[in-house]
């Protein structure tokens, strides 16, 4: 299983996602100090009813908690867009 597949699987399992999109931007950070240790740079957009009623910080904490040790072993930087199904723009849903 690839690093990206592990991340997606963890998030799907923990957050009961309606949609998730993960983009690996690691290649854009070649030579960056955080990239030297082999951990990646990612952008993720997650749509989940679990985010309802939570502030942005709480949503991000839920994502970080769902990823567990991957935040220490596989991920250097993570840009998060965490939305409820009601906040998702019409026609934008992905697998």
N, C-alpha and C. Protein backbone atom coordinates (compact mmCIF):
# COMPACT_ATOMS: atom_id res chain seq x y z
N UNK A 1 0.85 -1.18 0.00
CA UNK A 1 0.00 0.00 0.00
C UNK A 1 0.90 1.25 0.00
N UNK A 2 0.61 2.18 -0.88
CA UNK A 2 1.41 3.41 -0.95
C UNK A 2 1.09 4.33 0.22
N UNK A 3 1.94 5.31 0.41
CA UNK A 3 1.74 6.31 1.46
C UNK A 3 0.38 6.99 1.29
N UNK A 4 0.07 7.41 0.08
CA UNK A 4 -1.20 8.09 -0.18
C UNK A 4 -2.38 7.16 0.12
N UNK A 5 -2.28 5.91 -0.26
CA UNK A 5 -3.35 4.95 0.01
C UNK A 5 -3.54 4.76 1.51
N UNK A 6 -2.45 4.73 2.27
CA UNK A 6 -2.55 4.60 3.73
C UNK A 6 -3.27 5.81 4.32
N UNK A 7 -2.92 6.99 3.85
CA UNK A 7 -3.55 8.22 4.37
C UNK A 7 -5.04 8.20 4.08
N UNK A 8 -5.41 7.91 2.84
CA UNK A 8 -6.82 7.89 2.46
C UNK A 8 -7.58 6.84 3.25
N UNK A 9 -7.01 5.66 3.40
CA UNK A 9 -7.68 4.59 4.14
C UNK A 9 -7.93 5.00 5.59
N UNK A 10 -6.94 5.59 6.24
CA UNK A 10 -7.10 6.04 7.63
C UNK A 10 -8.22 7.06 7.75
N UNK A 11 -8.22 8.04 6.83
CA UNK A 11 -9.24 9.09 6.89
C UNK A 11 -10.63 8.55 6.60
N UNK A 12 -10.74 7.68 5.61
CA UNK A 12 -12.05 7.09 5.30
C UNK A 12 -12.60 6.30 6.48
N UNK A 13 -11.75 5.50 7.07
CA UNK A 13 -12.17 4.65 8.18
C UNK A 13 -12.59 5.49 9.39
N UNK A 14 -11.82 6.50 9.72
CA UNK A 14 -12.07 7.28 10.94
C UNK A 14 -13.17 8.32 10.78
N UNK A 15 -13.33 8.87 9.59
CA UNK A 15 -14.21 10.03 9.42
C UNK A 15 -15.48 9.76 8.64
N UNK A 16 -15.72 8.53 8.21
CA UNK A 16 -16.94 8.20 7.48
C UNK A 16 -17.17 9.23 6.36
N UNK A 17 -16.17 9.35 5.49
CA UNK A 17 -16.16 10.42 4.48
C UNK A 17 -17.21 10.22 3.39
N UNK A 18 -17.79 11.34 2.97
CA UNK A 18 -18.65 11.35 1.79
C UNK A 18 -17.77 11.49 0.54
N UNK A 19 -16.66 12.21 0.71
CA UNK A 19 -15.72 12.43 -0.40
C UNK A 19 -14.35 12.74 0.19
N UNK A 20 -13.32 12.35 -0.55
CA UNK A 20 -11.96 12.65 -0.13
C UNK A 20 -11.08 12.78 -1.37
N UNK A 21 -10.22 13.77 -1.36
CA UNK A 21 -9.27 13.98 -2.45
C UNK A 21 -7.92 14.30 -1.82
N UNK A 22 -6.91 13.54 -2.18
CA UNK A 22 -5.56 13.74 -1.65
C UNK A 22 -4.62 14.04 -2.80
N UNK A 23 -3.87 15.11 -2.67
CA UNK A 23 -2.89 15.49 -3.68
C UNK A 23 -1.52 15.49 -3.03
N UNK A 24 -0.60 14.76 -3.64
CA UNK A 24 0.78 14.68 -3.15
C UNK A 24 1.60 15.78 -3.81
N UNK A 25 2.00 16.76 -3.03
CA UNK A 25 2.80 17.89 -3.52
C UNK A 25 4.26 17.75 -3.16
N UNK A 26 4.68 16.56 -2.76
CA UNK A 26 6.05 16.35 -2.28
C UNK A 26 7.09 16.76 -3.31
N UNK A 27 6.82 16.54 -4.58
CA UNK A 27 7.78 16.88 -5.62
C UNK A 27 8.05 18.38 -5.70
N UNK A 28 7.12 19.19 -5.21
CA UNK A 28 7.31 20.64 -5.22
C UNK A 28 8.25 21.12 -4.11
N UNK A 29 8.59 20.21 -3.20
CA UNK A 29 9.40 20.59 -2.04
C UNK A 29 10.74 19.87 -2.01
N UNK A 30 11.18 19.38 -3.13
CA UNK A 30 12.49 18.70 -3.20
C UNK A 30 13.56 19.66 -2.70
N UNK A 31 14.41 19.18 -1.81
CA UNK A 31 15.47 20.01 -1.26
C UNK A 31 15.07 20.76 0.00
N UNK A 32 13.78 20.84 0.27
CA UNK A 32 13.28 21.50 1.47
C UNK A 32 13.69 20.66 2.69
N UNK A 33 14.01 21.32 3.78
CA UNK A 33 14.49 20.63 4.98
C UNK A 33 13.54 19.52 5.42
N UNK A 34 12.23 19.77 5.35
CA UNK A 34 11.25 18.77 5.76
C UNK A 34 11.17 17.59 4.83
N UNK A 35 11.61 17.76 3.60
CA UNK A 35 11.55 16.67 2.63
C UNK A 35 12.75 15.74 2.75
N UNK A 36 13.80 16.18 3.39
CA UNK A 36 15.02 15.37 3.50
C UNK A 36 14.83 14.09 4.29
N UNK A 37 13.87 14.11 5.23
CA UNK A 37 13.65 12.93 6.04
C UNK A 37 12.70 11.93 5.38
N UNK A 38 12.27 12.23 4.16
CA UNK A 38 11.43 11.29 3.41
C UNK A 38 9.94 11.44 3.63
N UNK A 39 9.54 12.33 4.52
CA UNK A 39 8.10 12.54 4.73
C UNK A 39 7.55 13.45 3.65
N UNK A 40 6.26 13.35 3.36
CA UNK A 40 5.66 14.05 2.24
C UNK A 40 4.88 15.30 2.58
N UNK A 41 4.58 16.07 1.54
CA UNK A 41 3.75 17.27 1.60
C UNK A 41 2.46 16.96 0.86
N UNK A 42 1.32 17.14 1.52
CA UNK A 42 0.04 16.76 0.94
C UNK A 42 -1.00 17.85 1.11
N UNK A 43 -1.98 17.82 0.20
CA UNK A 43 -3.20 18.62 0.32
C UNK A 43 -4.35 17.62 0.35
N UNK A 44 -5.29 17.83 1.27
CA UNK A 44 -6.44 16.93 1.35
C UNK A 44 -7.72 17.75 1.48
N UNK A 45 -8.75 17.29 0.77
CA UNK A 45 -10.10 17.85 0.87
C UNK A 45 -10.99 16.71 1.30
N UNK A 46 -11.63 16.87 2.45
CA UNK A 46 -12.44 15.83 3.04
C UNK A 46 -13.84 16.37 3.27
N UNK A 47 -14.84 15.61 2.86
CA UNK A 47 -16.23 15.94 3.14
C UNK A 47 -16.76 14.85 4.07
N UNK A 48 -17.21 15.27 5.25
CA UNK A 48 -17.68 14.31 6.24
C UNK A 48 -18.72 14.94 7.15
N UNK A 49 -19.77 14.21 7.46
CA UNK A 49 -20.75 14.71 8.43
C UNK A 49 -20.15 14.84 9.83
N UNK A 50 -19.03 14.21 10.09
CA UNK A 50 -18.37 14.28 11.40
C UNK A 50 -17.88 15.69 11.72
N UNK A 51 -17.76 16.55 10.70
CA UNK A 51 -17.28 17.92 10.93
C UNK A 51 -18.39 18.88 11.34
N UNK A 52 -19.63 18.43 11.30
CA UNK A 52 -20.77 19.30 11.64
C UNK A 52 -20.64 19.83 13.07
N UNK A 53 -20.81 21.12 13.21
CA UNK A 53 -20.76 21.76 14.51
C UNK A 53 -19.36 22.02 15.05
N UNK A 54 -18.33 21.66 14.30
CA UNK A 54 -16.95 21.85 14.75
C UNK A 54 -16.33 23.08 14.10
N UNK A 55 -15.51 23.78 14.86
CA UNK A 55 -14.74 24.89 14.31
C UNK A 55 -13.58 24.32 13.49
N UNK A 56 -12.94 25.16 12.70
CA UNK A 56 -11.85 24.74 11.83
C UNK A 56 -10.76 24.02 12.61
N UNK A 57 -10.33 24.58 13.72
CA UNK A 57 -9.28 23.95 14.53
C UNK A 57 -9.69 22.56 14.99
N UNK A 58 -10.93 22.41 15.42
CA UNK A 58 -11.42 21.10 15.87
C UNK A 58 -11.46 20.10 14.72
N UNK A 59 -11.82 20.56 13.55
CA UNK A 59 -11.85 19.69 12.37
C UNK A 59 -10.43 19.20 12.05
N UNK A 60 -9.48 20.13 12.09
CA UNK A 60 -8.09 19.76 11.80
C UNK A 60 -7.56 18.79 12.85
N UNK A 61 -7.89 19.02 14.11
CA UNK A 61 -7.47 18.10 15.16
C UNK A 61 -8.04 16.70 14.94
N UNK A 62 -9.27 16.62 14.47
CA UNK A 62 -9.90 15.34 14.17
C UNK A 62 -9.15 14.63 13.03
N UNK A 63 -8.75 15.38 12.02
CA UNK A 63 -7.98 14.82 10.92
C UNK A 63 -6.63 14.32 11.42
N UNK A 64 -5.91 15.15 12.17
CA UNK A 64 -4.60 14.76 12.68
C UNK A 64 -4.71 13.52 13.55
N UNK A 65 -5.71 13.48 14.41
CA UNK A 65 -5.91 12.32 15.27
C UNK A 65 -6.21 11.06 14.48
N UNK A 66 -6.94 11.21 13.39
CA UNK A 66 -7.28 10.07 12.54
C UNK A 66 -6.04 9.50 11.86
N UNK A 67 -5.09 10.35 11.57
CA UNK A 67 -3.87 9.90 10.89
C UNK A 67 -2.85 9.28 11.85
N UNK A 68 -2.97 9.59 13.13
CA UNK A 68 -2.12 8.99 14.15
C UNK A 68 -0.64 9.13 13.84
N UNK A 69 0.09 8.01 13.93
CA UNK A 69 1.55 8.03 13.76
C UNK A 69 1.99 8.40 12.35
N UNK A 70 1.09 8.37 11.37
CA UNK A 70 1.48 8.79 10.01
C UNK A 70 1.92 10.25 9.99
N UNK A 71 1.42 11.04 10.96
CA UNK A 71 1.84 12.44 11.05
C UNK A 71 3.31 12.54 11.44
N UNK A 72 3.85 11.52 12.07
CA UNK A 72 5.25 11.52 12.49
C UNK A 72 6.15 10.77 11.51
N UNK A 73 5.59 9.78 10.83
CA UNK A 73 6.41 8.90 9.99
C UNK A 73 6.32 9.17 8.50
N UNK A 74 5.17 9.67 8.02
CA UNK A 74 4.95 9.79 6.58
C UNK A 74 4.62 11.19 6.09
N UNK A 75 4.15 12.05 6.98
CA UNK A 75 3.65 13.37 6.57
C UNK A 75 4.47 14.47 7.23
N UNK A 76 5.03 15.36 6.40
CA UNK A 76 5.73 16.53 6.92
C UNK A 76 4.78 17.73 6.97
N UNK A 77 3.99 17.91 5.93
CA UNK A 77 3.06 19.03 5.85
C UNK A 77 1.74 18.56 5.27
N UNK A 78 0.64 19.09 5.86
CA UNK A 78 -0.69 18.70 5.41
C UNK A 78 -1.59 19.92 5.37
N UNK A 79 -2.05 20.27 4.18
CA UNK A 79 -2.99 21.36 3.97
C UNK A 79 -4.38 20.73 3.97
N UNK A 80 -5.26 21.17 4.86
CA UNK A 80 -6.55 20.51 5.06
C UNK A 80 -7.70 21.42 4.69
N UNK A 81 -8.61 20.91 3.88
CA UNK A 81 -9.93 21.52 3.66
C UNK A 81 -10.93 20.49 4.18
N UNK A 82 -11.56 20.80 5.31
CA UNK A 82 -12.48 19.87 5.97
C UNK A 82 -13.88 20.46 5.92
N UNK A 83 -14.77 19.82 5.18
CA UNK A 83 -16.10 20.35 4.93
C UNK A 83 -17.19 19.37 5.35
N UNK A 84 -18.34 19.91 5.72
CA UNK A 84 -19.52 19.07 5.91
C UNK A 84 -20.18 18.89 4.55
N UNK A 85 -21.06 17.90 4.40
CA UNK A 85 -21.75 17.73 3.12
C UNK A 85 -22.52 19.00 2.69
N UNK A 86 -23.03 19.73 3.66
CA UNK A 86 -23.77 20.96 3.36
C UNK A 86 -22.86 22.07 2.85
N UNK A 87 -21.60 22.03 3.21
CA UNK A 87 -20.64 23.06 2.81
C UNK A 87 -20.00 22.75 1.46
N UNK A 88 -20.12 21.53 0.99
CA UNK A 88 -19.51 21.10 -0.27
C UNK A 88 -20.24 21.76 -1.44
N UNK A 89 -19.51 22.46 -2.31
CA UNK A 89 -20.15 23.06 -3.48
C UNK A 89 -20.82 21.99 -4.36
N UNK A 90 -21.95 22.31 -4.90
CA UNK A 90 -22.68 21.37 -5.76
C UNK A 90 -21.83 20.94 -6.94
N UNK A 91 -21.83 19.65 -7.22
CA UNK A 91 -21.09 19.12 -8.37
C UNK A 91 -19.60 18.94 -8.14
N UNK A 92 -19.12 19.13 -6.92
CA UNK A 92 -17.68 19.07 -6.65
C UNK A 92 -17.28 17.75 -5.98
N UNK A 93 -18.21 16.90 -5.65
CA UNK A 93 -17.92 15.68 -4.90
C UNK A 93 -17.06 14.72 -5.72
N UNK A 94 -16.01 14.20 -5.06
CA UNK A 94 -15.15 13.18 -5.65
C UNK A 94 -15.16 11.97 -4.74
N UNK A 95 -14.60 10.83 -5.25
CA UNK A 95 -14.58 9.58 -4.48
C UNK A 95 -13.76 9.74 -3.28
